[in-house]
Amino acid sequence: MASSSWPCFLLLLCMVTTLAINVHADQMAIYWGSHMKNLNNADLRATCQTKHFSHVSLAFLTNFGNGRTPRPDFGTACNVENDGCKSLQEDINACQQLGVKVLLSIGGLDENKYTLASAQEANQLAAHIYDVYMSGNGIDGPLGRVKLDGVDFYVNDASTSAYWDVLAQDLKQLDDNMILTASQGCSHTVGQADIPLYNALKTGLFSKVWPRFYGQSCTYNPRDTAAFEASVQSWATEFRDMDIYLGILANPDSQEERFISPRELPGALKIARQHENFQGVMLWNRYLDVKFLEDGNRAPYSDLIYRIVNPSSTMRMHAGF
C-alpha cells in the first residue's frame, strides 16, 4: 500500500514544485528618507527586516551643481547638519547582511536644488559620490563609514538633460560593479529624447529603471488603460536590456495623483507582465507605506501587495518550502 502511493506522492510534489517555479515572482523596491516623522517601523533597519524589498534607495543626495557642495537631505529621518545620520551606518550594514541592495538616490523632487552645468561638474560629483559613499575606504561621511551598493538617479522631469550620461560613465569607471538605477516620469515616446535621463539611459550602464506611474496622464486607470499600456510598452521596448519596474505611490495621501489600490494592482501587473523585462514595483516611499497602516488600513501598503507582486512567496509557503 505504501509503495503504491509513493509514485503518486512524487507526482504531486513535482506538480506543486513546477507550479511554484512557474508563478511570476517580481521584486519590490522602495525609497527611504524624506518625511519619516518618526512613524513606528519606518526606520531603515525595520524596512529591510520586512524582507519585502530587494533594493532600498536613500533619498536624497542633493544641492549639487553650479558650484554647490553636494549635501544629503533625508528630511525628518535624520539631521545631517549635526551628524545625526551617521547612526544609519549600522542600519545600512544590517540591510546589506539581509541581502538588500542599498542605493544612494541623487537629485530629488525639487529640480532647483541640483543640476550639472558641465562635464567637469559631473566628474567632480562622481568622485565625491564614490569617495564618500561607495569606496569602502573608511571615509567617515554623512552616513558614517559605508560602502553602498549603487546610485539611483531620481531626476525631476523639469530638470535639464545635460551631463547625466557623463556622470553615469564616470561612476561605472570608478567601480564597474556599482549598480545604477533611474527614476523618471512615465511619459515617454520611443526614440524621443523627451526625458532628462534619456541620453544617460541609452549608455546601457543602467540595470534598472522605475518610471513613475503617478502624477501624469500615463498612470494606471482601470477604467481606461490605454495610456498606461502605451507607456509601459514604450519603456519596455526602448530599454529592453534593463529591468523595468512600475514606480507607484504607497499611499493616496500624497500631493501626487493616481494611487493604485491593492485591489487595482493586479490589473496593472497583468499588463506589465506581458513584457519579459518587467521585474516588479518601486514604492514611493516608506513613510507613505507605513502611514497607510496608521491611516486605518489593516497593514502597510507593502504588506498588502507583497503577495500580489510576488505570488510565489504564497505558493512556497503553502507548499512548505
C-alpha atoms as a PDB file:
ATOM      1  CA  MET A   1       0.000   0.000   0.000  1.00  0.00           C
ATOM      2  CA  ALA A   2       2.790   2.385   0.982  1.00  0.00           C
ATOM      3  CA  SER A   3       4.841   1.529  -2.107  1.00  0.00           C
ATOM      4  CA  SER A   4       1.912   2.078  -4.450  1.00  0.00           C
ATOM      5  CA  SER A   5       1.201   5.515  -3.010  1.00  0.00           C
ATOM      6  CA  TRP A   6       4.808   6.660  -3.323  1.00  0.00           C
ATOM      7  CA  PRO A   7       4.688   7.399  -7.112  1.00  0.00           C
ATOM      8  CA  CYS A   8       1.507   9.430  -6.574  1.00  0.00           C
ATOM      9  CA  PHE A   9       3.221  11.458  -3.873  1.00  0.00           C
ATOM     10  CA  LEU A  10       6.197  12.146  -6.152  1.00  0.00           C
ATOM     11  CA  LEU A  11       3.887  13.200  -8.967  1.00  0.00           C
ATOM     12  CA  LEU A  12       2.019  15.582  -6.645  1.00  0.00           C
ATOM     13  CA  LEU A  13       5.292  17.024  -5.355  1.00  0.00           C
ATOM     14  CA  CYS A  14       6.535  17.640  -8.883  1.00  0.00           C
ATOM     15  CA  MET A  15       3.279  19.352  -9.835  1.00  0.00           C
ATOM     16  CA  VAL A  16       3.382  21.642  -6.802  1.00  0.00           C
ATOM     17  CA  THR A  17       7.084  22.432  -7.342  1.00  0.00           C
ATOM     18  CA  THR A  18       6.535  23.205 -11.019  1.00  0.00           C
ATOM     19  CA  LEU A  19       3.597  25.439 -10.180  1.00  0.00           C
ATOM     20  CA  ALA A  20       5.650  27.332  -7.602  1.00  0.00           C
ATOM     21  CA  ILE A  21       8.506  27.828 -10.072  1.00  0.00           C
ATOM     22  CA  ASN A  22       6.239  28.987 -12.878  1.00  0.00           C
ATOM     23  CA  VAL A  23       4.473  31.657 -10.830  1.00  0.00           C
ATOM     24  CA  HIS A  24       5.853  35.071 -11.844  1.00  0.00           C
ATOM     25  CA  ALA A  25       7.967  36.272  -8.922  1.00  0.00           C
ATOM     26  CA  ASP A  26       8.527  40.006  -9.145  1.00  0.00           C
ATOM     27  CA  GLN A  27      10.507  42.184  -6.774  1.00  0.00           C
ATOM     28  CA  MET A  28       9.701  45.233  -4.701  1.00  0.00           C
ATOM     29  CA  ALA A  29      11.981  48.206  -4.128  1.00  0.00           C
ATOM     30  CA  ILE A  30      11.324  51.320  -2.066  1.00  0.00           C
ATOM     31  CA  TYR A  31      12.557  54.843  -1.392  1.00  0.00           C
ATOM     32  CA  TRP A  32      13.524  55.621   2.179  1.00  0.00           C
ATOM     33  CA  GLY A  33      14.034  59.057   3.725  1.00  0.00           C
ATOM     34  CA  SER A  34      12.208  62.307   3.094  1.00  0.00           C
ATOM     35  CA  HIS A  35       9.351  62.845   5.577  1.00  0.00           C
ATOM     36  CA  MET A  36       9.580  59.939   8.015  1.00  0.00           C
ATOM     37  CA  LYS A  37       8.064  61.758  11.039  1.00  0.00           C
ATOM     38  CA  ASN A  38       9.109  59.004  13.460  1.00  0.00           C
ATOM     39  CA  LEU A  39       6.438  56.511  12.445  1.00  0.00           C
ATOM     40  CA  ASN A  40       6.806  53.099  14.068  1.00  0.00           C
ATOM     41  CA  ASN A  41       8.633  50.559  11.869  1.00  0.00           C
ATOM     42  CA  ALA A  42       9.537  53.193   9.284  1.00  0.00           C
ATOM     43  CA  ASP A  43      13.236  53.230  10.230  1.00  0.00           C
ATOM     44  CA  LEU A  44      15.730  51.815   7.757  1.00  0.00           C
ATOM     45  CA  ARG A  45      16.556  48.585   9.592  1.00  0.00           C
ATOM     46  CA  ALA A  46      12.876  47.731  10.116  1.00  0.00           C
ATOM     47  CA  THR A  47      12.224  48.440   6.438  1.00  0.00           C
ATOM     48  CA  CYS A  48      14.791  45.856   5.405  1.00  0.00           C
ATOM     49  CA  GLN A  49      13.668  43.375   8.052  1.00  0.00           C
ATOM     50  CA  THR A  50      10.255  43.091   6.387  1.00  0.00           C
ATOM     51  CA  LYS A  51      12.116  41.055   3.733  1.00  0.00           C
ATOM     52  CA  HIS A  52       9.808  42.601   1.153  1.00  0.00           C
ATOM     53  CA  PHE A  53      12.397  44.713  -0.644  1.00  0.00           C
ATOM     54  CA  SER A  54      15.294  43.829  -2.928  1.00  0.00           C
ATOM     55  CA  HIS A  55      16.507  47.449  -3.123  1.00  0.00           C
ATOM     56  CA  VAL A  56      16.197  50.453  -0.817  1.00  0.00           C
ATOM     57  CA  SER A  57      17.080  53.897  -2.168  1.00  0.00           C
ATOM     58  CA  LEU A  58      18.153  56.525   0.369  1.00  0.00           C
ATOM     59  CA  ALA A  59      16.569  59.816  -0.711  1.00  0.00           C
ATOM     60  CA  PHE A  60      18.321  62.152  -1.437  1.00  0.00           C
ATOM     61  CA  LEU A  61      21.812  63.464  -2.121  1.00  0.00           C
ATOM     62  CA  THR A  62      21.040  66.908  -3.488  1.00  0.00           C
ATOM     63  CA  ASN A  63      22.328  70.522  -3.505  1.00  0.00           C
ATOM     64  CA  PHE A  64      24.864  69.934  -6.283  1.00  0.00           C
ATOM     65  CA  GLY A  65      25.872  71.747  -9.465  1.00  0.00           C
ATOM     66  CA  ASN A  66      26.648  75.399 -10.213  1.00  0.00           C
ATOM     67  CA  GLY A  67      29.452  75.262  -7.680  1.00  0.00           C
ATOM     68  CA  ARG A  68      27.376  73.943  -4.785  1.00  0.00           C
ATOM     69  CA  THR A  69      28.726  71.337  -2.364  1.00  0.00           C
ATOM     70  CA  PRO A  70      26.698  68.092  -2.504  1.00  0.00           C
ATOM     71  CA  ARG A  71      24.674  67.532   0.647  1.00  0.00           C
ATOM     72  CA  PRO A  72      22.360  64.697   1.664  1.00  0.00           C
ATOM     73  CA  ASP A  73      18.884  65.608   2.835  1.00  0.00           C
ATOM     74  CA  PHE A  74      16.900  62.731   4.303  1.00  0.00           C
ATOM     75  CA  GLY A  75      14.182  65.016   5.613  1.00  0.00           C
ATOM     76  CA  THR A  76      12.991  64.241   9.114  1.00  0.00           C
ATOM     77  CA  ALA A  77      14.597  60.791   9.048  1.00  0.00           C
ATOM     78  CA  CYS A  78      17.813  62.237  10.489  1.00  0.00           C
ATOM     79  CA  ASN A  79      19.699  65.524  10.704  1.00  0.00           C
ATOM     80  CA  VAL A  80      22.830  65.643   8.572  1.00  0.00           C
ATOM     81  CA  GLU A  81      23.878  69.016   9.976  1.00  0.00           C
ATOM     82  CA  ASN A  82      24.587  67.620  13.461  1.00  0.00           C
ATOM     83  CA  ASP A  83      25.963  64.263  12.218  1.00  0.00           C
ATOM     84  CA  GLY A  84      22.663  62.644  13.138  1.00  0.00           C
ATOM     85  CA  CYS A  85      22.703  60.410  10.052  1.00  0.00           C
ATOM     86  CA  LYS A  86      25.925  58.620  10.978  1.00  0.00           C
ATOM     87  CA  SER A  87      23.835  56.221  13.048  1.00  0.00           C
ATOM     88  CA  LEU A  88      22.453  54.874   9.775  1.00  0.00           C
ATOM     89  CA  GLN A  89      25.761  53.065   9.241  1.00  0.00           C
ATOM     90  CA  GLU A  90      24.603  50.175  11.431  1.00  0.00           C
ATOM     91  CA  ASP A  91      21.206  50.027   9.725  1.00  0.00           C
ATOM     92  CA  ILE A  92      22.839  50.021   6.295  1.00  0.00           C
ATOM     93  CA  ASN A  93      25.130  47.171   7.306  1.00  0.00           C
ATOM     94  CA  ALA A  94      22.144  45.239   8.695  1.00  0.00           C
ATOM     95  CA  CYS A  95      20.237  45.727   5.431  1.00  0.00           C
ATOM     96  CA  GLN A  96      23.165  44.557   3.341  1.00  0.00           C
ATOM     97  CA  GLN A  97      23.614  41.481   5.546  1.00  0.00           C
ATOM     98  CA  LEU A  98      19.977  40.643   4.779  1.00  0.00           C
ATOM     99  CA  GLY A  99      20.786  40.786   1.072  1.00  0.00           C
ATOM    100  CA  VAL A 100      19.098  44.134   0.447  1.00  0.00           C
ATOM    101  CA  LYS A 101      20.898  46.409  -2.004  1.00  0.00           C
ATOM    102  CA  VAL A 102      21.194  49.897  -0.512  1.00  0.00           C
ATOM    103  CA  LEU A 103      21.403  52.713  -3.056  1.00  0.00           C
ATOM    104  CA  LEU A 104      22.111  56.422  -2.742  1.00  0.00           C
ATOM    105  CA  SER A 105      19.421  58.336  -4.606  1.00  0.00           C
ATOM    106  CA  ILE A 106      20.665  61.584  -6.108  1.00  0.00           C
ATOM    107  CA  GLY A 107      18.593  64.528  -7.309  1.00  0.00           C
ATOM    108  CA  GLY A 108      15.128  64.701  -5.804  1.00  0.00           C
ATOM    109  CA  LEU A 109      11.760  66.353  -6.046  1.00  0.00           C
ATOM    110  CA  ASP A 110      12.976  69.948  -6.366  1.00  0.00           C
ATOM    111  CA  GLU A 111      14.909  70.409  -9.617  1.00  0.00           C
ATOM    112  CA  ASN A 112      16.127  73.806  -8.414  1.00  0.00           C
ATOM    113  CA  LYS A 113      18.355  72.098  -5.849  1.00  0.00           C
ATOM    114  CA  TYR A 114      20.533  70.255  -8.346  1.00  0.00           C
ATOM    115  CA  THR A 115      21.940  70.395 -11.858  1.00  0.00           C
ATOM    116  CA  LEU A 116      25.072  69.513 -13.788  1.00  0.00           C
ATOM    117  CA  ALA A 117      26.374  72.607 -15.544  1.00  0.00           C
ATOM    118  CA  SER A 118      29.389  70.972 -17.183  1.00  0.00           C
ATOM    119  CA  ALA A 119      31.202  67.693 -17.748  1.00  0.00           C
ATOM    120  CA  GLN A 120      33.678  68.823 -15.098  1.00  0.00           C
ATOM    121  CA  GLU A 121      30.880  69.093 -12.533  1.00  0.00           C
ATOM    122  CA  ALA A 122      29.771  65.571 -13.473  1.00  0.00           C
ATOM    123  CA  ASN A 123      33.346  64.359 -12.952  1.00  0.00           C
ATOM    124  CA  GLN A 124      33.549  66.057  -9.557  1.00  0.00           C
ATOM    125  CA  LEU A 125      30.193  64.726  -8.400  1.00  0.00           C
ATOM    126  CA  ALA A 126      31.111  61.175  -9.428  1.00  0.00           C
ATOM    127  CA  ALA A 127      34.361  61.399  -7.462  1.00  0.00           C
ATOM    128  CA  HIS A 128      32.519  62.759  -4.408  1.00  0.00           C
ATOM    129  CA  ILE A 129      29.861  60.026  -4.505  1.00  0.00           C
ATOM    130  CA  TYR A 130      32.445  57.299  -4.905  1.00  0.00           C
ATOM    131  CA  ASP A 131      34.851  58.560  -2.253  1.00  0.00           C
ATOM    132  CA  VAL A 132      32.233  59.279   0.431  1.00  0.00           C
ATOM    133  CA  TYR A 133      29.567  56.622  -0.159  1.00  0.00           C
ATOM    134  CA  MET A 134      30.866  53.840  -2.408  1.00  0.00           C
ATOM    135  CA  SER A 135      34.578  53.226  -1.995  1.00  0.00           C
ATOM    136  CA  GLY A 136      34.609  51.479   1.367  1.00  0.00           C
ATOM    137  CA  ASN A 137      37.888  53.224   2.114  1.00  0.00           C
ATOM    138  CA  GLY A 138      36.910  54.182   5.640  1.00  0.00           C
ATOM    139  CA  ILE A 139      35.902  57.780   4.961  1.00  0.00           C
ATOM    140  CA  ASP A 140      33.681  58.950   7.794  1.00  0.00           C
ATOM    141  CA  GLY A 141      30.995  60.656   5.731  1.00  0.00           C
ATOM    142  CA  PRO A 142      27.435  61.797   6.494  1.00  0.00           C
ATOM    143  CA  LEU A 143      26.323  58.127   6.709  1.00  0.00           C
ATOM    144  CA  GLY A 144      29.393  57.006   8.627  1.00  0.00           C
ATOM    145  CA  ARG A 145      31.833  54.549   7.073  1.00  0.00           C
ATOM    146  CA  VAL A 146      29.737  52.809   4.464  1.00  0.00           C
ATOM    147  CA  LYS A 147      30.050  51.110   1.103  1.00  0.00           C
ATOM    148  CA  LEU A 148      26.699  51.417  -0.585  1.00  0.00           C
ATOM    149  CA  ASP A 149      25.724  49.167  -3.474  1.00  0.00           C
ATOM    150  CA  GLY A 150      24.882  51.745  -6.091  1.00  0.00           C
ATOM    151  CA  VAL A 151      23.401  55.045  -7.196  1.00  0.00           C
ATOM    152  CA  ASP A 152      19.835  55.844  -8.134  1.00  0.00           C
ATOM    153  CA  PHE A 153      19.213  58.821 -10.426  1.00  0.00           C
ATOM    154  CA  TYR A 154      15.928  60.415  -9.307  1.00  0.00           C
ATOM    155  CA  VAL A 155      15.634  63.308 -11.725  1.00  0.00           C
ATOM    156  CA  ASN A 156      12.654  65.619 -11.883  1.00  0.00           C
ATOM    157  CA  ASP A 157      11.066  65.806 -15.325  1.00  0.00           C
ATOM    158  CA  ALA A 158      11.661  69.574 -15.336  1.00  0.00           C
ATOM    159  CA  SER A 159      15.426  69.100 -14.980  1.00  0.00           C
ATOM    160  CA  THR A 160      17.911  69.633 -17.793  1.00  0.00           C
ATOM    161  CA  SER A 161      19.258  66.612 -19.660  1.00  0.00           C
ATOM    162  CA  ALA A 162      22.905  67.665 -19.863  1.00  0.00           C
ATOM    163  CA  TYR A 163      25.767  65.578 -18.447  1.00  0.00           C
ATOM    164  CA  TRP A 164      23.793  62.843 -16.669  1.00  0.00           C
ATOM    165  CA  ASP A 165      25.343  60.425 -19.165  1.00  0.00           C
ATOM    166  CA  VAL A 166      28.814  61.701 -18.244  1.00  0.00           C
ATOM    167  CA  LEU A 167      28.045  61.151 -14.558  1.00  0.00           C
ATOM    168  CA  ALA A 168      26.903  57.580 -15.213  1.00  0.00           C
ATOM    169  CA  GLN A 169      30.020  56.808 -17.245  1.00  0.00           C
ATOM    170  CA  ASP A 170      32.305  58.281 -14.590  1.00  0.00           C
ATOM    171  CA  LEU A 171      30.652  56.285 -11.804  1.00  0.00           C
ATOM    172  CA  LYS A 172      30.978  52.998 -13.685  1.00  0.00           C
ATOM    173  CA  GLN A 173      34.603  53.751 -14.480  1.00  0.00           C
ATOM    174  CA  LEU A 174      35.269  54.173 -10.777  1.00  0.00           C
ATOM    175  CA  ASP A 175      33.523  50.884  -9.939  1.00  0.00           C
ATOM    176  CA  ASP A 176      32.161  48.655 -12.683  1.00  0.00           C
ATOM    177  CA  ASN A 177      30.214  46.633 -10.094  1.00  0.00           C
ATOM    178  CA  MET A 178      28.272  49.695  -8.951  1.00  0.00           C
ATOM    179  CA  ILE A 179      24.523  49.345  -9.544  1.00  0.00           C
ATOM    180  CA  LEU A 180      22.956  52.219 -11.474  1.00  0.00           C
ATOM    181  CA  THR A 181      19.184  52.718 -11.453  1.00  0.00           C
ATOM    182  CA  ALA A 182      16.947  55.544 -12.607  1.00  0.00           C
ATOM    183  CA  SER A 183      13.562  57.122 -11.981  1.00  0.00           C
ATOM    184  CA  GLN A 184      11.670  59.350 -14.424  1.00  0.00           C
ATOM    185  CA  GLY A 185       8.082  60.309 -15.073  1.00  0.00           C
ATOM    186  CA  CYS A 186       6.269  57.661 -17.103  1.00  0.00           C
ATOM    187  CA  SER A 187       5.517  59.915 -20.107  1.00  0.00           C
ATOM    188  CA  HIS A 188       7.913  58.787 -22.843  1.00  0.00           C
ATOM    189  CA  THR A 189       7.759  58.062 -26.561  1.00  0.00           C
ATOM    190  CA  VAL A 190      10.106  55.504 -28.096  1.00  0.00           C
ATOM    191  CA  GLY A 191      13.054  57.125 -29.843  1.00  0.00           C
ATOM    192  CA  GLN A 192      12.336  60.577 -28.446  1.00  0.00           C
ATOM    193  CA  ALA A 193      14.734  62.375 -26.091  1.00  0.00           C
ATOM    194  CA  ASP A 194      11.749  63.620 -24.104  1.00  0.00           C
ATOM    195  CA  ILE A 195      13.051  62.792 -20.617  1.00  0.00           C
ATOM    196  CA  PRO A 196      16.104  64.312 -18.883  1.00  0.00           C
ATOM    197  CA  LEU A 197      17.818  60.944 -18.412  1.00  0.00           C
ATOM    198  CA  TYR A 198      17.317  59.744 -21.999  1.00  0.00           C
ATOM    199  CA  ASN A 199      20.971  60.031 -23.065  1.00  0.00           C
ATOM    200  CA  ALA A 200      22.145  58.553 -19.780  1.00  0.00           C
ATOM    201  CA  LEU A 201      19.831  55.560 -20.112  1.00  0.00           C
ATOM    202  CA  LYS A 202      20.970  54.995 -23.699  1.00  0.00           C
ATOM    203  CA  THR A 203      24.546  54.421 -22.456  1.00  0.00           C
ATOM    204  CA  GLY A 204      23.440  50.926 -21.419  1.00  0.00           C
ATOM    205  CA  LEU A 205      25.055  51.358 -17.996  1.00  0.00           C
ATOM    206  CA  PHE A 206      21.814  51.238 -16.009  1.00  0.00           C
ATOM    207  CA  SER A 207      20.471  47.862 -14.904  1.00  0.00           C
ATOM    208  CA  LYS A 208      17.042  49.022 -13.684  1.00  0.00           C
ATOM    209  CA  VAL A 209      14.635  51.840 -14.378  1.00  0.00           C
ATOM    210  CA  TRP A 210      11.462  52.581 -12.425  1.00  0.00           C
ATOM    211  CA  PRO A 211       9.274  55.074 -14.318  1.00  0.00           C
ATOM    212  CA  ARG A 212       6.951  56.995 -12.008  1.00  0.00           C
ATOM    213  CA  PHE A 213       3.371  55.999 -12.792  1.00  0.00           C
ATOM    214  CA  TYR A 214       1.761  58.729 -10.745  1.00  0.00           C
ATOM    215  CA  GLY A 215       1.000  62.385 -11.255  1.00  0.00           C
ATOM    216  CA  GLN A 216       0.914  62.007 -15.048  1.00  0.00           C
ATOM    217  CA  SER A 217      -1.530  61.070 -17.776  1.00  0.00           C
ATOM    218  CA  CYS A 218       0.136  57.671 -18.240  1.00  0.00           C
ATOM    219  CA  THR A 219      -0.771  56.478 -14.745  1.00  0.00           C
ATOM    220  CA  TYR A 220      -2.906  53.367 -14.411  1.00  0.00           C
ATOM    221  CA  ASN A 221      -6.645  53.871 -14.575  1.00  0.00           C
ATOM    222  CA  PRO A 222      -8.665  50.641 -14.502  1.00  0.00           C
ATOM    223  CA  ARG A 223     -11.473  52.310 -16.445  1.00  0.00           C
ATOM    224  CA  ASP A 224      -9.169  53.356 -19.284  1.00  0.00           C
ATOM    225  CA  THR A 225      -5.807  51.602 -19.509  1.00  0.00           C
ATOM    226  CA  ALA A 226      -4.757  52.785 -22.977  1.00  0.00           C
ATOM    227  CA  ALA A 227      -2.289  55.477 -21.857  1.00  0.00           C
ATOM    228  CA  PHE A 228      -0.784  53.189 -19.218  1.00  0.00           C
ATOM    229  CA  GLU A 229      -0.388  50.319 -21.693  1.00  0.00           C
ATOM    230  CA  ALA A 230       1.262  52.607 -24.250  1.00  0.00           C
ATOM    231  CA  SER A 231       3.701  53.938 -21.656  1.00  0.00           C
ATOM    232  CA  VAL A 232       4.686  50.501 -20.363  1.00  0.00           C
ATOM    233  CA  GLN A 233       5.160  49.391 -23.971  1.00  0.00           C
ATOM    234  CA  SER A 234       7.412  52.375 -24.678  1.00  0.00           C
ATOM    235  CA  TRP A 235       9.646  51.784 -21.661  1.00  0.00           C
ATOM    236  CA  ALA A 236       9.855  48.021 -22.101  1.00  0.00           C
ATOM    237  CA  THR A 237      10.615  48.313 -25.822  1.00  0.00           C
ATOM    238  CA  GLU A 238      13.098  51.176 -25.776  1.00  0.00           C
ATOM    239  CA  PHE A 239      15.034  49.867 -22.773  1.00  0.00           C
ATOM    240  CA  ARG A 240      14.663  46.156 -23.385  1.00  0.00           C
ATOM    241  CA  ASP A 241      18.073  45.401 -21.831  1.00  0.00           C
ATOM    242  CA  MET A 242      17.036  46.901 -18.471  1.00  0.00           C
ATOM    243  CA  ASP A 243      14.739  45.616 -15.757  1.00  0.00           C
ATOM    244  CA  ILE A 244      11.552  47.704 -15.760  1.00  0.00           C
ATOM    245  CA  TYR A 245       9.692  48.420 -12.513  1.00  0.00           C
ATOM    246  CA  LEU A 246       6.433  50.286 -12.012  1.00  0.00           C
ATOM    247  CA  GLY A 247       7.046  53.310  -9.792  1.00  0.00           C
ATOM    248  CA  ILE A 248       3.874  53.662  -7.711  1.00  0.00           C
ATOM    249  CA  LEU A 249       2.652  55.522  -4.643  1.00  0.00           C
ATOM    250  CA  ALA A 250       2.361  53.670  -1.338  1.00  0.00           C
ATOM    251  CA  ASN A 251      -0.496  55.836  -0.083  1.00  0.00           C
ATOM    252  CA  PRO A 252      -3.238  58.039  -1.568  1.00  0.00           C
ATOM    253  CA  ASP A 253      -2.265  60.743   0.947  1.00  0.00           C
ATOM    254  CA  SER A 254       0.176  62.479  -1.370  1.00  0.00           C
ATOM    255  CA  GLN A 255       0.351  65.593  -3.485  1.00  0.00           C
ATOM    256  CA  GLU A 256       0.956  63.345  -6.473  1.00  0.00           C
ATOM    257  CA  GLU A 257      -2.140  61.804  -8.019  1.00  0.00           C
ATOM    258  CA  ARG A 258      -3.351  58.365  -9.051  1.00  0.00           C
ATOM    259  CA  PHE A 259      -2.725  55.930  -6.248  1.00  0.00           C
ATOM    260  CA  ILE A 260      -3.133  52.292  -7.313  1.00  0.00           C
ATOM    261  CA  SER A 261      -5.026  50.443  -4.601  1.00  0.00           C
ATOM    262  CA  PRO A 262      -4.187  46.809  -3.702  1.00  0.00           C
ATOM    263  CA  ARG A 263      -7.448  45.839  -5.377  1.00  0.00           C
ATOM    264  CA  GLU A 264      -6.454  47.576  -8.625  1.00  0.00           C
ATOM    265  CA  LEU A 265      -2.807  46.482  -8.702  1.00  0.00           C
ATOM    266  CA  PRO A 266      -3.356  43.024 -10.280  1.00  0.00           C
ATOM    267  CA  GLY A 267      -4.819  44.742 -13.355  1.00  0.00           C
ATOM    268  CA  ALA A 268      -1.742  46.937 -13.752  1.00  0.00           C
ATOM    269  CA  LEU A 269       0.603  43.989 -13.210  1.00  0.00           C
ATOM    270  CA  LYS A 270      -1.247  41.883 -15.778  1.00  0.00           C
ATOM    271  CA  ILE A 271      -0.430  44.497 -18.407  1.00  0.00           C
ATOM    272  CA  ALA A 272       3.174  44.994 -17.287  1.00  0.00           C
ATOM    273  CA  ARG A 273       3.876  41.250 -17.120  1.00  0.00           C
ATOM    274  CA  GLN A 274       3.314  40.958 -20.855  1.00  0.00           C
ATOM    275  CA  HIS A 275       6.867  42.280 -21.204  1.00  0.00           C
ATOM    276  CA  GLU A 276       9.780  39.985 -20.407  1.00  0.00           C
ATOM    277  CA  ASN A 277      11.904  42.714 -18.830  1.00  0.00           C
ATOM    278  CA  PHE A 278       9.253  43.746 -16.320  1.00  0.00           C
ATOM    279  CA  GLN A 279      10.585  42.832 -12.884  1.00  0.00           C
ATOM    280  CA  GLY A 280       8.472  44.455 -10.169  1.00  0.00           C
ATOM    281  CA  VAL A 281       7.404  47.666  -8.444  1.00  0.00           C
ATOM    282  CA  MET A 282       9.188  50.561  -6.790  1.00  0.00           C
ATOM    283  CA  LEU A 283       7.298  52.275  -3.977  1.00  0.00           C
ATOM    284  CA  TRP A 284       7.365  55.957  -3.102  1.00  0.00           C
ATOM    285  CA  ASN A 285       8.065  55.876  -0.161  1.00  0.00           C
ATOM    286  CA  ARG A 286       8.476  54.121   3.215  1.00  0.00           C
ATOM    287  CA  TYR A 287       6.836  56.958   5.130  1.00  0.00           C
ATOM    288  CA  LEU A 288       3.696  56.727   2.984  1.00  0.00           C
ATOM    289  CA  ASP A 289       3.879  52.933   3.150  1.00  0.00           C
ATOM    290  CA  VAL A 290       3.737  52.794   6.948  1.00  0.00           C
ATOM    291  CA  LYS A 291       1.306  55.698   7.108  1.00  0.00           C
ATOM    292  CA  PHE A 292      -1.122  53.536   5.106  1.00  0.00           C
ATOM    293  CA  LEU A 293      -1.471  51.426   8.274  1.00  0.00           C
ATOM    294  CA  GLU A 294      -1.685  54.466  10.528  1.00  0.00           C
ATOM    295  CA  ASP A 295      -4.490  55.834   8.345  1.00  0.00           C
ATOM    296  CA  GLY A 296      -6.730  52.950   9.376  1.00  0.00           C
ATOM    297  CA  ASN A 297      -5.876  50.213   6.903  1.00  0.00           C
ATOM    298  CA  ARG A 298      -5.103  46.746   8.204  1.00  0.00           C
ATOM    299  CA  ALA A 299      -1.403  46.797   7.244  1.00  0.00           C
ATOM    300  CA  PRO A 300       1.227  48.902   5.494  1.00  0.00           C
ATOM    301  CA  TYR A 301       0.694  49.087   1.735  1.00  0.00           C
ATOM    302  CA  SER A 302       3.759  46.947   1.033  1.00  0.00           C
ATOM    303  CA  ASP A 303       2.421  44.162   3.280  1.00  0.00           C
ATOM    304  CA  LEU A 304      -0.890  44.152   1.415  1.00  0.00           C
ATOM    305  CA  ILE A 305       0.636  43.994  -2.059  1.00  0.00           C
ATOM    306  CA  TYR A 306       3.666  41.769  -1.372  1.00  0.00           C
ATOM    307  CA  ARG A 307       1.950  38.516  -2.309  1.00  0.00           C
ATOM    308  CA  ILE A 308       0.299  40.201  -5.294  1.00  0.00           C
ATOM    309  CA  VAL A 309       3.685  41.305  -6.610  1.00  0.00           C
ATOM    310  CA  ASN A 310       5.431  38.092  -5.584  1.00  0.00           C
ATOM    311  CA  PRO A 311       2.768  35.349  -5.579  1.00  0.00           C
ATOM    312  CA  SER A 312       5.405  32.618  -5.476  1.00  0.00           C
ATOM    313  CA  SER A 313       6.012  33.544  -1.825  1.00  0.00           C
ATOM    314  CA  THR A 314       2.466  32.420  -1.018  1.00  0.00           C
ATOM    315  CA  MET A 315       2.854  29.307  -3.152  1.00  0.00           C
ATOM    316  CA  ARG A 316       6.070  28.299  -1.415  1.00  0.00           C
ATOM    317  CA  MET A 317       4.519  28.950   1.985  1.00  0.00           C
ATOM    318  CA  HIS A 318       1.549  26.739   1.175  1.00  0.00           C
ATOM    319  CA  ALA A 319       3.840  24.085  -0.282  1.00  0.00           C
ATOM    320  CA  GLY A 320       6.038  24.095   2.810  1.00  0.00           C
ATOM    321  CA  PHE A 321       9.138  25.407   1.041  1.00  0.00           C
END
